[in-house]
N, C-alpha and C. Protein backbone atom coordinates (compact mmCIF):
# COMPACT_ATOMS: atom_id res chain seq x y z
N UNK A 1 8.54 16.55 -56.43
CA UNK A 1 9.09 17.82 -56.88
C UNK A 1 10.61 17.78 -56.83
N UNK A 2 11.27 18.48 -57.75
CA UNK A 2 12.71 18.36 -57.89
C UNK A 2 13.48 19.08 -56.80
N UNK A 3 12.95 20.18 -56.30
CA UNK A 3 13.62 20.97 -55.26
C UNK A 3 12.61 21.35 -54.19
N UNK A 4 13.12 21.72 -53.03
CA UNK A 4 12.23 22.20 -51.97
C UNK A 4 11.56 23.49 -52.43
N UNK A 5 10.32 23.71 -52.05
CA UNK A 5 9.63 24.95 -52.45
C UNK A 5 10.31 26.19 -51.88
N UNK A 6 10.19 27.28 -52.60
CA UNK A 6 10.61 28.58 -52.11
C UNK A 6 9.49 29.12 -51.24
N UNK A 7 9.81 29.66 -50.09
CA UNK A 7 8.79 30.20 -49.19
C UNK A 7 9.12 31.63 -48.81
N UNK A 8 8.12 32.48 -48.86
CA UNK A 8 8.26 33.88 -48.46
C UNK A 8 7.11 34.21 -47.52
N UNK A 9 7.44 34.76 -46.36
CA UNK A 9 6.43 35.14 -45.39
C UNK A 9 6.40 36.66 -45.25
N UNK A 10 5.20 37.23 -45.31
CA UNK A 10 5.07 38.68 -45.22
C UNK A 10 5.11 39.18 -43.78
N UNK A 11 5.14 38.26 -42.83
CA UNK A 11 5.23 38.61 -41.43
C UNK A 11 5.35 37.34 -40.61
N UNK A 12 5.62 37.46 -39.30
CA UNK A 12 5.74 36.28 -38.46
C UNK A 12 4.41 35.58 -38.25
N UNK A 13 4.48 34.27 -38.09
CA UNK A 13 3.30 33.45 -37.80
C UNK A 13 2.17 33.67 -38.82
N UNK A 14 2.39 33.30 -40.08
CA UNK A 14 1.37 33.51 -41.11
C UNK A 14 0.04 32.85 -40.76
N UNK A 15 -1.04 33.53 -41.10
CA UNK A 15 -2.38 33.01 -40.84
C UNK A 15 -3.09 32.63 -42.14
N UNK A 16 -2.42 32.78 -43.26
CA UNK A 16 -2.96 32.40 -44.57
C UNK A 16 -1.81 31.96 -45.45
N UNK A 17 -2.11 31.11 -46.42
CA UNK A 17 -1.08 30.60 -47.33
C UNK A 17 -1.57 30.66 -48.77
N UNK A 18 -0.66 31.00 -49.67
CA UNK A 18 -0.92 30.96 -51.11
C UNK A 18 0.12 30.04 -51.73
N UNK A 19 -0.33 28.94 -52.30
CA UNK A 19 0.56 27.99 -52.97
C UNK A 19 0.44 28.24 -54.46
N UNK A 20 1.54 28.68 -55.10
CA UNK A 20 1.48 29.14 -56.49
C UNK A 20 2.42 28.32 -57.36
N UNK A 21 1.84 27.60 -58.34
CA UNK A 21 2.61 26.74 -59.23
C UNK A 21 2.99 27.47 -60.52
N UNK A 22 4.25 27.34 -60.90
CA UNK A 22 4.77 27.98 -62.10
C UNK A 22 4.34 27.23 -63.37
N UNK A 23 4.70 27.80 -64.52
CA UNK A 23 4.38 27.20 -65.79
C UNK A 23 5.48 26.31 -66.33
N UNK A 24 5.24 25.75 -67.50
CA UNK A 24 6.18 24.84 -68.15
C UNK A 24 7.52 25.50 -68.40
N UNK A 25 8.60 24.82 -68.00
CA UNK A 25 9.95 25.29 -68.26
C UNK A 25 10.46 26.34 -67.29
N UNK A 26 9.62 26.78 -66.36
CA UNK A 26 10.04 27.77 -65.37
C UNK A 26 10.40 27.06 -64.07
N UNK A 27 10.49 27.82 -62.98
CA UNK A 27 10.69 27.21 -61.67
C UNK A 27 10.03 28.08 -60.61
N UNK A 28 10.22 27.71 -59.36
CA UNK A 28 9.55 28.42 -58.28
C UNK A 28 9.89 29.89 -58.18
N UNK A 29 11.04 30.30 -58.73
CA UNK A 29 11.42 31.71 -58.67
C UNK A 29 10.58 32.60 -59.58
N UNK A 30 9.87 31.99 -60.52
CA UNK A 30 9.22 32.75 -61.58
C UNK A 30 8.23 33.78 -61.06
N UNK A 31 7.50 33.43 -60.01
CA UNK A 31 6.46 34.33 -59.51
C UNK A 31 6.80 34.93 -58.15
N UNK A 32 8.02 34.78 -57.70
CA UNK A 32 8.42 35.40 -56.43
C UNK A 32 8.19 36.92 -56.44
N UNK A 33 8.48 37.62 -57.54
CA UNK A 33 8.25 39.08 -57.53
C UNK A 33 6.82 39.50 -57.25
N UNK A 34 5.85 38.58 -57.45
CA UNK A 34 4.45 38.95 -57.22
C UNK A 34 4.21 39.32 -55.75
N UNK A 35 5.05 38.79 -54.86
CA UNK A 35 4.88 39.09 -53.43
C UNK A 35 4.98 40.58 -53.15
N UNK A 36 5.85 41.26 -53.90
CA UNK A 36 6.06 42.69 -53.68
C UNK A 36 4.98 43.54 -54.33
N UNK A 37 4.17 42.95 -55.21
CA UNK A 37 3.16 43.71 -55.93
C UNK A 37 1.78 43.58 -55.32
N UNK A 38 1.55 42.51 -54.56
CA UNK A 38 0.24 42.29 -53.95
C UNK A 38 0.15 43.00 -52.60
N UNK A 39 -0.84 43.84 -52.44
CA UNK A 39 -1.06 44.55 -51.17
C UNK A 39 -2.04 43.73 -50.34
N UNK A 40 -1.50 42.89 -49.46
CA UNK A 40 -2.34 42.00 -48.65
C UNK A 40 -2.24 42.31 -47.16
N UNK A 41 -1.84 43.53 -46.85
CA UNK A 41 -1.66 43.91 -45.45
C UNK A 41 -2.91 43.72 -44.62
N UNK A 42 -4.08 43.93 -45.21
CA UNK A 42 -5.33 43.81 -44.46
C UNK A 42 -5.63 42.37 -44.06
N UNK A 43 -5.01 41.42 -44.73
CA UNK A 43 -5.27 40.01 -44.45
C UNK A 43 -4.50 39.53 -43.23
N UNK A 44 -3.35 40.14 -43.00
CA UNK A 44 -2.44 39.65 -41.97
C UNK A 44 -1.26 38.94 -42.62
N UNK A 45 -0.38 38.35 -41.84
CA UNK A 45 0.80 37.68 -42.41
C UNK A 45 0.40 36.53 -43.33
N UNK A 46 1.03 36.48 -44.49
CA UNK A 46 0.75 35.46 -45.50
C UNK A 46 2.02 34.70 -45.83
N UNK A 47 1.91 33.40 -45.97
CA UNK A 47 3.04 32.59 -46.45
C UNK A 47 2.80 32.24 -47.92
N UNK A 48 3.72 32.65 -48.79
CA UNK A 48 3.69 32.26 -50.19
C UNK A 48 4.58 31.03 -50.36
N UNK A 49 4.06 30.01 -50.99
CA UNK A 49 4.81 28.78 -51.25
C UNK A 49 4.91 28.62 -52.77
N UNK A 50 6.15 28.56 -53.28
CA UNK A 50 6.40 28.44 -54.71
C UNK A 50 7.11 27.12 -54.98
N UNK A 51 6.37 26.05 -55.27
CA UNK A 51 7.01 24.76 -55.50
C UNK A 51 7.71 24.69 -56.86
N UNK A 52 8.60 23.73 -56.99
CA UNK A 52 9.33 23.49 -58.24
C UNK A 52 8.88 22.17 -58.85
N UNK A 53 8.44 22.22 -60.09
CA UNK A 53 8.03 21.00 -60.79
C UNK A 53 9.24 20.12 -61.06
N UNK A 54 9.04 18.80 -61.17
CA UNK A 54 10.14 17.91 -61.52
C UNK A 54 10.59 18.14 -62.97
N UNK A 55 11.80 17.78 -63.27
CA UNK A 55 12.31 17.85 -64.64
C UNK A 55 11.96 16.56 -65.35
N UNK A 56 11.35 16.67 -66.52
CA UNK A 56 10.94 15.49 -67.28
C UNK A 56 10.97 15.80 -68.77
N UNK A 57 11.08 14.79 -69.62
CA UNK A 57 10.98 15.02 -71.07
C UNK A 57 9.56 15.48 -71.42
N UNK A 58 9.46 16.49 -72.29
CA UNK A 58 8.16 17.03 -72.68
C UNK A 58 7.96 16.78 -74.18
N UNK A 59 6.95 16.01 -74.49
CA UNK A 59 6.74 15.54 -75.86
C UNK A 59 6.60 16.68 -76.86
N UNK A 60 5.83 17.71 -76.52
CA UNK A 60 5.60 18.80 -77.47
C UNK A 60 6.88 19.56 -77.78
N UNK A 61 7.87 19.45 -76.92
CA UNK A 61 9.17 20.08 -77.14
C UNK A 61 10.22 19.05 -77.53
N UNK A 62 9.79 18.09 -78.35
CA UNK A 62 10.68 17.06 -78.90
C UNK A 62 11.38 16.23 -77.82
N UNK A 63 10.69 16.06 -76.69
CA UNK A 63 11.26 15.23 -75.63
C UNK A 63 12.35 15.89 -74.83
N UNK A 64 12.53 17.20 -74.99
CA UNK A 64 13.59 17.91 -74.24
C UNK A 64 13.20 17.96 -72.76
N UNK A 65 14.13 17.59 -71.87
CA UNK A 65 13.81 17.62 -70.43
C UNK A 65 13.72 19.05 -69.90
N UNK A 66 12.69 19.33 -69.13
CA UNK A 66 12.51 20.65 -68.53
C UNK A 66 11.56 20.52 -67.35
N UNK A 67 11.51 21.53 -66.48
CA UNK A 67 10.55 21.48 -65.37
C UNK A 67 9.12 21.45 -65.91
N UNK A 68 8.36 20.44 -65.50
CA UNK A 68 6.99 20.28 -65.98
C UNK A 68 6.18 19.53 -64.94
N UNK A 69 4.95 19.94 -64.78
CA UNK A 69 4.06 19.26 -63.84
C UNK A 69 3.50 17.98 -64.46
N UNK A 70 3.47 17.93 -65.80
CA UNK A 70 2.99 16.76 -66.53
C UNK A 70 3.42 16.92 -67.98
N UNK A 71 3.35 15.83 -68.74
CA UNK A 71 3.73 15.88 -70.14
C UNK A 71 2.63 16.54 -70.97
N UNK A 72 3.03 17.16 -72.08
CA UNK A 72 2.08 17.75 -73.02
C UNK A 72 2.34 17.10 -74.38
N UNK A 73 1.31 16.51 -74.94
CA UNK A 73 1.46 15.75 -76.18
C UNK A 73 1.20 16.58 -77.43
N UNK A 74 0.40 17.63 -77.32
CA UNK A 74 0.09 18.44 -78.49
C UNK A 74 -0.42 19.81 -78.10
N UNK A 75 -0.42 20.72 -79.08
CA UNK A 75 -0.81 22.11 -78.81
C UNK A 75 -2.27 22.24 -78.41
N UNK A 76 -3.10 21.29 -78.77
CA UNK A 76 -4.50 21.34 -78.40
C UNK A 76 -4.70 21.23 -76.88
N UNK A 77 -3.78 20.54 -76.22
CA UNK A 77 -3.71 20.38 -74.76
C UNK A 77 -4.68 19.36 -74.18
N UNK A 78 -5.84 19.17 -74.77
CA UNK A 78 -6.86 18.35 -74.11
C UNK A 78 -7.30 17.11 -74.89
N UNK A 79 -6.95 17.00 -76.18
CA UNK A 79 -7.36 15.81 -76.93
C UNK A 79 -6.74 14.55 -76.35
N UNK A 80 -5.50 14.68 -75.90
CA UNK A 80 -4.80 13.57 -75.25
C UNK A 80 -4.03 14.16 -74.08
N UNK A 81 -4.34 13.70 -72.88
CA UNK A 81 -3.74 14.27 -71.68
C UNK A 81 -2.91 13.24 -70.92
N UNK A 82 -1.88 13.73 -70.25
CA UNK A 82 -1.02 12.88 -69.41
C UNK A 82 -1.68 12.72 -68.05
N UNK A 83 -2.68 11.86 -68.01
CA UNK A 83 -3.44 11.71 -66.76
C UNK A 83 -2.56 11.24 -65.61
N UNK A 84 -1.65 10.30 -65.88
CA UNK A 84 -0.79 9.79 -64.81
C UNK A 84 0.09 10.91 -64.25
N UNK A 85 0.64 11.74 -65.14
CA UNK A 85 1.47 12.86 -64.68
C UNK A 85 0.67 13.89 -63.92
N UNK A 86 -0.52 14.20 -64.41
CA UNK A 86 -1.38 15.15 -63.72
C UNK A 86 -1.70 14.67 -62.30
N UNK A 87 -2.06 13.42 -62.18
CA UNK A 87 -2.44 12.90 -60.86
C UNK A 87 -1.22 12.76 -59.95
N UNK A 88 -0.08 12.48 -60.50
CA UNK A 88 1.14 12.41 -59.68
C UNK A 88 1.46 13.78 -59.09
N UNK A 89 1.38 14.82 -59.92
CA UNK A 89 1.65 16.17 -59.41
C UNK A 89 0.56 16.63 -58.46
N UNK A 90 -0.69 16.21 -58.71
CA UNK A 90 -1.76 16.56 -57.78
C UNK A 90 -1.46 16.02 -56.39
N UNK A 91 -0.95 14.80 -56.32
CA UNK A 91 -0.61 14.22 -55.02
C UNK A 91 0.49 15.03 -54.33
N UNK A 92 1.44 15.52 -55.12
CA UNK A 92 2.51 16.34 -54.54
C UNK A 92 1.96 17.66 -53.99
N UNK A 93 1.04 18.27 -54.71
CA UNK A 93 0.45 19.53 -54.26
C UNK A 93 -0.44 19.30 -53.04
N UNK A 94 -1.12 18.17 -53.01
CA UNK A 94 -1.89 17.82 -51.81
C UNK A 94 -0.96 17.75 -50.60
N UNK A 95 0.26 17.26 -50.82
CA UNK A 95 1.23 17.22 -49.74
C UNK A 95 1.60 18.60 -49.24
N UNK A 96 1.67 19.58 -50.15
CA UNK A 96 1.97 20.96 -49.75
C UNK A 96 0.81 21.55 -48.94
N UNK A 97 -0.41 21.26 -49.36
CA UNK A 97 -1.57 21.73 -48.60
C UNK A 97 -1.56 21.13 -47.20
N UNK A 98 -1.26 19.83 -47.13
CA UNK A 98 -1.21 19.16 -45.82
C UNK A 98 -0.12 19.77 -44.94
N UNK A 99 1.00 20.15 -45.54
CA UNK A 99 2.09 20.76 -44.77
C UNK A 99 1.67 22.10 -44.19
N UNK A 100 0.90 22.89 -44.98
CA UNK A 100 0.42 24.17 -44.46
C UNK A 100 -0.55 23.96 -43.31
N UNK A 101 -1.43 22.99 -43.44
CA UNK A 101 -2.37 22.71 -42.35
C UNK A 101 -1.64 22.23 -41.10
N UNK A 102 -0.58 21.46 -41.30
CA UNK A 102 0.21 20.98 -40.16
C UNK A 102 0.91 22.13 -39.45
N UNK A 103 1.17 23.23 -40.18
CA UNK A 103 1.82 24.40 -39.58
C UNK A 103 0.80 25.38 -39.00
N UNK A 104 -0.46 24.99 -38.99
CA UNK A 104 -1.46 25.80 -38.31
C UNK A 104 -2.34 26.65 -39.19
N UNK A 105 -2.19 26.56 -40.51
CA UNK A 105 -3.05 27.33 -41.42
C UNK A 105 -4.21 26.44 -41.84
N UNK A 106 -5.45 26.76 -41.47
CA UNK A 106 -6.59 25.91 -41.84
C UNK A 106 -6.84 25.94 -43.35
N UNK A 107 -7.49 24.92 -43.85
CA UNK A 107 -7.75 24.82 -45.29
C UNK A 107 -8.48 26.04 -45.82
N UNK A 108 -9.40 26.60 -45.04
CA UNK A 108 -10.18 27.74 -45.52
C UNK A 108 -9.40 29.05 -45.51
N UNK A 109 -8.10 28.96 -45.20
CA UNK A 109 -7.19 30.11 -45.31
C UNK A 109 -6.06 29.81 -46.30
N UNK A 110 -6.28 28.80 -47.15
CA UNK A 110 -5.27 28.41 -48.14
C UNK A 110 -5.83 28.63 -49.54
N UNK A 111 -5.06 29.29 -50.38
CA UNK A 111 -5.39 29.49 -51.79
C UNK A 111 -4.41 28.69 -52.62
N UNK A 112 -4.92 27.91 -53.58
CA UNK A 112 -4.04 27.24 -54.55
C UNK A 112 -4.12 28.02 -55.85
N UNK A 113 -2.97 28.31 -56.43
CA UNK A 113 -2.89 29.19 -57.59
C UNK A 113 -1.86 28.64 -58.57
N UNK A 114 -1.98 29.09 -59.82
CA UNK A 114 -0.99 28.65 -60.79
C UNK A 114 -1.11 29.39 -62.10
N UNK A 115 -0.02 29.32 -62.86
CA UNK A 115 0.07 29.95 -64.18
C UNK A 115 0.30 28.86 -65.22
N UNK A 116 -0.51 28.86 -66.29
CA UNK A 116 -0.34 27.93 -67.41
C UNK A 116 -0.46 26.48 -66.94
N UNK A 117 0.60 25.68 -67.03
CA UNK A 117 0.54 24.33 -66.47
C UNK A 117 0.21 24.37 -64.98
N UNK A 118 0.76 25.34 -64.29
CA UNK A 118 0.47 25.49 -62.87
C UNK A 118 -1.00 25.80 -62.62
N UNK A 119 -1.62 26.54 -63.55
CA UNK A 119 -3.05 26.82 -63.47
C UNK A 119 -3.85 25.52 -63.55
N UNK A 120 -3.46 24.67 -64.50
CA UNK A 120 -4.14 23.37 -64.63
C UNK A 120 -4.03 22.58 -63.33
N UNK A 121 -2.87 22.62 -62.70
CA UNK A 121 -2.67 21.89 -61.45
C UNK A 121 -3.50 22.49 -60.32
N UNK A 122 -3.61 23.81 -60.28
CA UNK A 122 -4.40 24.46 -59.23
C UNK A 122 -5.87 24.06 -59.35
N UNK A 123 -6.40 24.06 -60.58
CA UNK A 123 -7.79 23.66 -60.78
C UNK A 123 -7.99 22.18 -60.48
N UNK A 124 -7.10 21.34 -60.99
CA UNK A 124 -7.22 19.90 -60.77
C UNK A 124 -7.24 19.57 -59.28
N UNK A 125 -6.30 20.16 -58.55
CA UNK A 125 -6.16 19.85 -57.13
C UNK A 125 -7.23 20.53 -56.29
N UNK A 126 -7.44 21.82 -56.53
CA UNK A 126 -8.36 22.58 -55.70
C UNK A 126 -9.79 22.08 -55.76
N UNK A 127 -10.25 21.71 -56.95
CA UNK A 127 -11.63 21.25 -57.09
C UNK A 127 -11.85 19.90 -56.43
N UNK A 128 -10.77 19.13 -56.24
CA UNK A 128 -10.89 17.80 -55.66
C UNK A 128 -10.48 17.73 -54.19
N UNK A 129 -9.95 18.82 -53.65
CA UNK A 129 -9.47 18.78 -52.28
C UNK A 129 -10.63 18.54 -51.31
N UNK A 130 -10.41 17.71 -50.32
CA UNK A 130 -11.50 17.24 -49.46
C UNK A 130 -12.03 18.29 -48.49
N UNK A 131 -11.23 19.32 -48.17
CA UNK A 131 -11.68 20.37 -47.26
C UNK A 131 -11.84 21.68 -48.02
N UNK A 132 -12.73 22.52 -47.54
CA UNK A 132 -13.01 23.80 -48.19
C UNK A 132 -11.76 24.69 -48.17
N UNK A 133 -11.34 25.12 -49.35
CA UNK A 133 -10.23 26.04 -49.49
C UNK A 133 -10.75 27.48 -49.57
N UNK A 134 -9.84 28.44 -49.41
CA UNK A 134 -10.25 29.84 -49.53
C UNK A 134 -10.55 30.20 -50.97
N UNK A 135 -9.81 29.61 -51.91
CA UNK A 135 -10.04 29.94 -53.31
C UNK A 135 -9.03 29.28 -54.22
N UNK A 136 -9.29 29.40 -55.53
CA UNK A 136 -8.41 28.88 -56.57
C UNK A 136 -8.12 30.01 -57.54
N UNK A 137 -6.84 30.18 -57.89
CA UNK A 137 -6.43 31.19 -58.85
C UNK A 137 -5.93 30.48 -60.11
N UNK A 138 -6.55 30.80 -61.24
CA UNK A 138 -6.24 30.14 -62.51
C UNK A 138 -5.79 31.18 -63.53
N UNK A 139 -4.48 31.29 -63.74
CA UNK A 139 -3.91 32.30 -64.61
C UNK A 139 -3.41 31.68 -65.92
N UNK A 140 -3.94 32.15 -67.03
CA UNK A 140 -3.46 31.76 -68.36
C UNK A 140 -3.37 30.26 -68.55
N UNK A 141 -4.41 29.55 -68.12
CA UNK A 141 -4.39 28.10 -68.23
C UNK A 141 -5.75 27.56 -68.61
N UNK A 142 -6.00 26.32 -68.17
CA UNK A 142 -7.23 25.64 -68.59
C UNK A 142 -7.56 24.55 -67.58
N UNK A 143 -8.76 23.98 -67.71
CA UNK A 143 -9.23 22.91 -66.83
C UNK A 143 -8.79 21.56 -67.40
N UNK A 144 -7.92 20.83 -66.70
CA UNK A 144 -7.51 19.52 -67.19
C UNK A 144 -8.47 18.42 -66.74
N UNK A 145 -8.43 17.28 -67.43
CA UNK A 145 -9.30 16.15 -67.10
C UNK A 145 -10.74 16.63 -66.88
N UNK A 146 -11.18 17.49 -67.77
CA UNK A 146 -12.49 18.14 -67.59
C UNK A 146 -13.63 17.14 -67.49
N UNK A 147 -13.54 16.06 -68.23
CA UNK A 147 -14.64 15.10 -68.27
C UNK A 147 -14.85 14.40 -66.93
N UNK A 148 -13.81 14.35 -66.10
CA UNK A 148 -13.95 13.67 -64.80
C UNK A 148 -14.22 14.63 -63.65
N UNK A 149 -14.29 15.92 -63.94
CA UNK A 149 -14.45 16.90 -62.87
C UNK A 149 -15.75 16.70 -62.09
N UNK A 150 -16.85 16.54 -62.78
CA UNK A 150 -18.14 16.42 -62.11
C UNK A 150 -18.17 15.23 -61.16
N UNK A 151 -17.58 14.12 -61.58
CA UNK A 151 -17.62 12.90 -60.76
C UNK A 151 -16.63 12.96 -59.61
N UNK A 152 -15.52 13.67 -59.79
CA UNK A 152 -14.43 13.62 -58.81
C UNK A 152 -14.37 14.85 -57.90
N UNK A 153 -15.09 15.90 -58.22
CA UNK A 153 -14.96 17.13 -57.44
C UNK A 153 -15.43 16.90 -56.00
N UNK A 154 -14.86 17.72 -55.13
CA UNK A 154 -15.18 17.63 -53.71
C UNK A 154 -16.45 18.41 -53.39
N UNK A 155 -17.30 17.80 -52.60
CA UNK A 155 -18.51 18.50 -52.16
C UNK A 155 -18.13 19.73 -51.33
N UNK A 156 -17.04 19.64 -50.57
CA UNK A 156 -16.62 20.74 -49.72
C UNK A 156 -16.25 21.97 -50.53
N UNK A 157 -15.74 21.78 -51.75
CA UNK A 157 -15.32 22.90 -52.58
C UNK A 157 -16.28 23.17 -53.74
N UNK A 158 -17.52 22.75 -53.59
CA UNK A 158 -18.51 22.96 -54.64
C UNK A 158 -18.76 24.45 -54.90
N UNK A 159 -18.56 25.28 -53.86
CA UNK A 159 -18.78 26.72 -54.03
C UNK A 159 -17.51 27.53 -53.85
N UNK A 160 -16.35 26.90 -54.05
CA UNK A 160 -15.07 27.61 -53.86
C UNK A 160 -14.95 28.75 -54.87
N UNK A 161 -14.54 29.95 -54.45
CA UNK A 161 -14.34 31.05 -55.40
C UNK A 161 -13.16 30.75 -56.34
N UNK A 162 -13.32 31.12 -57.61
CA UNK A 162 -12.27 30.89 -58.61
C UNK A 162 -11.98 32.20 -59.34
N UNK A 163 -10.72 32.62 -59.33
CA UNK A 163 -10.27 33.78 -60.11
C UNK A 163 -9.61 33.25 -61.37
N UNK A 164 -10.13 33.64 -62.54
CA UNK A 164 -9.53 33.24 -63.81
C UNK A 164 -9.11 34.48 -64.59
N UNK A 165 -7.84 34.53 -64.97
CA UNK A 165 -7.33 35.63 -65.78
C UNK A 165 -6.64 35.09 -67.02
N UNK A 166 -6.84 35.74 -68.17
CA UNK A 166 -6.26 35.23 -69.41
C UNK A 166 -5.98 36.36 -70.39
N UNK A 167 -4.96 36.18 -71.20
CA UNK A 167 -4.61 37.15 -72.23
C UNK A 167 -5.39 36.94 -73.51
N UNK A 168 -5.92 38.01 -74.06
CA UNK A 168 -6.69 37.91 -75.29
C UNK A 168 -5.82 37.48 -76.47
N UNK A 169 -4.51 37.73 -76.39
CA UNK A 169 -3.61 37.38 -77.49
C UNK A 169 -2.74 36.17 -77.15
N UNK A 170 -3.17 35.37 -76.19
CA UNK A 170 -2.38 34.21 -75.76
C UNK A 170 -2.27 33.21 -76.90
N UNK A 171 -1.03 32.92 -77.32
CA UNK A 171 -0.80 31.96 -78.39
C UNK A 171 -0.38 30.60 -77.89
N UNK A 172 -0.25 30.44 -76.58
CA UNK A 172 0.15 29.16 -75.99
C UNK A 172 -1.07 28.40 -75.51
N UNK A 173 -1.85 29.03 -74.63
CA UNK A 173 -3.16 28.50 -74.25
C UNK A 173 -4.17 29.48 -74.84
N UNK A 174 -4.70 29.15 -76.00
CA UNK A 174 -5.53 30.10 -76.72
C UNK A 174 -6.77 30.46 -75.91
N UNK A 175 -7.28 31.64 -76.14
CA UNK A 175 -8.40 32.16 -75.34
C UNK A 175 -9.61 31.24 -75.41
N UNK A 176 -9.81 30.56 -76.55
CA UNK A 176 -10.95 29.65 -76.66
C UNK A 176 -10.84 28.49 -75.68
N UNK A 177 -9.60 28.04 -75.41
CA UNK A 177 -9.42 26.96 -74.44
C UNK A 177 -9.79 27.46 -73.04
N UNK A 178 -9.43 28.69 -72.73
CA UNK A 178 -9.73 29.25 -71.41
C UNK A 178 -11.22 29.49 -71.24
N UNK A 179 -11.88 30.05 -72.26
CA UNK A 179 -13.31 30.32 -72.13
C UNK A 179 -14.11 29.01 -72.05
N UNK A 180 -13.65 27.97 -72.75
CA UNK A 180 -14.32 26.67 -72.63
C UNK A 180 -14.20 26.14 -71.21
N UNK A 181 -13.05 26.34 -70.59
CA UNK A 181 -12.86 25.92 -69.20
C UNK A 181 -13.74 26.73 -68.28
N UNK A 182 -13.78 28.03 -68.50
CA UNK A 182 -14.65 28.89 -67.69
C UNK A 182 -16.11 28.43 -67.79
N UNK A 183 -16.55 28.17 -69.02
CA UNK A 183 -17.95 27.77 -69.22
C UNK A 183 -18.24 26.42 -68.57
N UNK A 184 -17.27 25.50 -68.63
CA UNK A 184 -17.46 24.19 -68.01
C UNK A 184 -17.60 24.33 -66.50
N UNK A 185 -16.79 25.20 -65.91
CA UNK A 185 -16.85 25.43 -64.46
C UNK A 185 -18.16 26.11 -64.08
N UNK A 186 -18.56 27.10 -64.87
CA UNK A 186 -19.81 27.80 -64.59
C UNK A 186 -21.00 26.85 -64.69
N UNK A 187 -20.96 25.95 -65.67
CA UNK A 187 -22.05 25.00 -65.83
C UNK A 187 -22.16 24.06 -64.64
N UNK A 188 -21.03 23.84 -63.95
CA UNK A 188 -21.05 22.99 -62.76
C UNK A 188 -21.43 23.77 -61.50
N UNK A 189 -21.68 25.07 -61.67
CA UNK A 189 -22.15 25.88 -60.55
C UNK A 189 -21.08 26.66 -59.81
N UNK A 190 -19.85 26.67 -60.32
CA UNK A 190 -18.78 27.40 -59.62
C UNK A 190 -18.90 28.90 -59.86
N UNK A 191 -18.50 29.67 -58.84
CA UNK A 191 -18.47 31.13 -58.95
C UNK A 191 -17.13 31.55 -59.55
N UNK A 192 -17.13 31.78 -60.85
CA UNK A 192 -15.89 32.13 -61.56
C UNK A 192 -15.81 33.64 -61.74
N UNK A 193 -14.75 34.24 -61.21
CA UNK A 193 -14.48 35.67 -61.40
C UNK A 193 -13.55 35.78 -62.61
N UNK A 194 -14.12 36.07 -63.78
CA UNK A 194 -13.41 35.98 -65.06
C UNK A 194 -12.85 37.34 -65.49
N UNK A 195 -11.59 37.33 -65.97
CA UNK A 195 -10.94 38.57 -66.42
C UNK A 195 -10.15 38.29 -67.69
N UNK A 196 -10.26 39.19 -68.68
CA UNK A 196 -9.42 39.13 -69.88
C UNK A 196 -8.58 40.39 -69.95
N UNK A 197 -7.37 40.23 -70.50
CA UNK A 197 -6.44 41.36 -70.58
C UNK A 197 -5.81 41.40 -71.97
N UNK A 198 -5.43 42.60 -72.44
CA UNK A 198 -4.79 42.73 -73.76
C UNK A 198 -3.31 42.35 -73.68
N UNK A 199 -3.05 41.06 -73.50
CA UNK A 199 -1.68 40.57 -73.36
C UNK A 199 -1.56 39.19 -74.00
N UNK A 200 -0.34 38.69 -74.04
CA UNK A 200 -0.08 37.37 -74.58
C UNK A 200 -0.05 36.36 -73.42
N UNK A 201 0.83 35.37 -73.46
CA UNK A 201 0.90 34.34 -72.42
C UNK A 201 1.77 34.87 -71.28
N UNK A 202 1.16 35.69 -70.44
CA UNK A 202 1.92 36.39 -69.40
C UNK A 202 0.95 36.89 -68.34
N UNK A 203 1.47 37.72 -67.44
CA UNK A 203 0.63 38.44 -66.50
C UNK A 203 0.87 39.93 -66.69
N UNK A 204 -0.02 40.76 -66.17
CA UNK A 204 0.14 42.20 -66.29
C UNK A 204 -0.22 42.85 -64.96
N UNK A 205 0.14 44.11 -64.81
CA UNK A 205 -0.07 44.80 -63.54
C UNK A 205 -1.56 44.94 -63.22
N UNK A 206 -2.39 45.15 -64.23
CA UNK A 206 -3.84 45.25 -63.98
C UNK A 206 -4.36 43.93 -63.40
N UNK A 207 -3.87 42.82 -63.94
CA UNK A 207 -4.30 41.51 -63.44
C UNK A 207 -3.86 41.31 -62.00
N UNK A 208 -2.62 41.67 -61.68
CA UNK A 208 -2.11 41.51 -60.32
C UNK A 208 -2.91 42.38 -59.35
N UNK A 209 -3.26 43.59 -59.77
CA UNK A 209 -4.04 44.47 -58.91
C UNK A 209 -5.42 43.87 -58.63
N UNK A 210 -6.07 43.32 -59.66
CA UNK A 210 -7.39 42.73 -59.47
C UNK A 210 -7.30 41.44 -58.65
N UNK A 211 -6.21 40.70 -58.85
CA UNK A 211 -6.00 39.50 -58.05
C UNK A 211 -5.82 39.86 -56.58
N UNK A 212 -5.10 40.93 -56.31
CA UNK A 212 -4.91 41.35 -54.93
C UNK A 212 -6.23 41.68 -54.25
N UNK A 213 -7.12 42.36 -54.95
CA UNK A 213 -8.43 42.69 -54.38
C UNK A 213 -9.24 41.42 -54.13
N UNK A 214 -9.15 40.47 -55.07
CA UNK A 214 -9.88 39.20 -54.91
C UNK A 214 -9.34 38.42 -53.71
N UNK A 215 -8.04 38.37 -53.54
CA UNK A 215 -7.44 37.68 -52.41
C UNK A 215 -7.89 38.30 -51.08
N UNK A 216 -7.99 39.62 -51.06
CA UNK A 216 -8.46 40.27 -49.84
C UNK A 216 -9.89 39.85 -49.51
N UNK A 217 -10.71 39.63 -50.55
CA UNK A 217 -12.10 39.21 -50.30
C UNK A 217 -12.19 37.78 -49.79
N UNK A 218 -11.41 36.88 -50.38
CA UNK A 218 -11.57 35.46 -50.02
C UNK A 218 -10.78 35.10 -48.76
N UNK A 219 -9.85 35.95 -48.37
CA UNK A 219 -9.03 35.66 -47.18
C UNK A 219 -9.36 36.57 -46.01
N UNK A 220 -10.52 37.20 -46.02
CA UNK A 220 -10.89 38.06 -44.89
C UNK A 220 -11.10 37.20 -43.64
């Protein structure tokens, strides 16, 4: 990762952690405001970790360097994937999970979350993590390396709760890509809490409110 993650704690000695990955071209600051919108007081102190993706040339943007978790070759997103980049970033996110556990937060009190490219990273990493996590949050994204999920997924996270939210008018990750990912996860037996919203490639207050309720359930 290009910079140290941004960290926000809602109180001293956090007992739960949410690691939230930003989307293409953004940085860790992008979702910091969400801390003020989520009512997680019933959970206890929470540490939010907002990592920064490395800067790299992105093929779909004519090779222009920008923060990215992996390269994107085409608008379809899945016909040709940057597997090496995906797995490199997965290793970095595994390091963040390990850091939270080293600070005393058990895996079953850690949520991995992300938006767009960050959503892909949350699903890729969370489904393969060796210890049971509290949950996975997938916002406006899709399931990467879908064909290898069944063979590589962790037995410990076979029943991990998944929150998926997507905009009906999303022109970046089209809704069909998201529903195909949802259906693939459901077919593998995952409990997917699916939500659609009348928005584009973004988040909305209704989504944040429903996410807050979901976090309260999985982090009790």
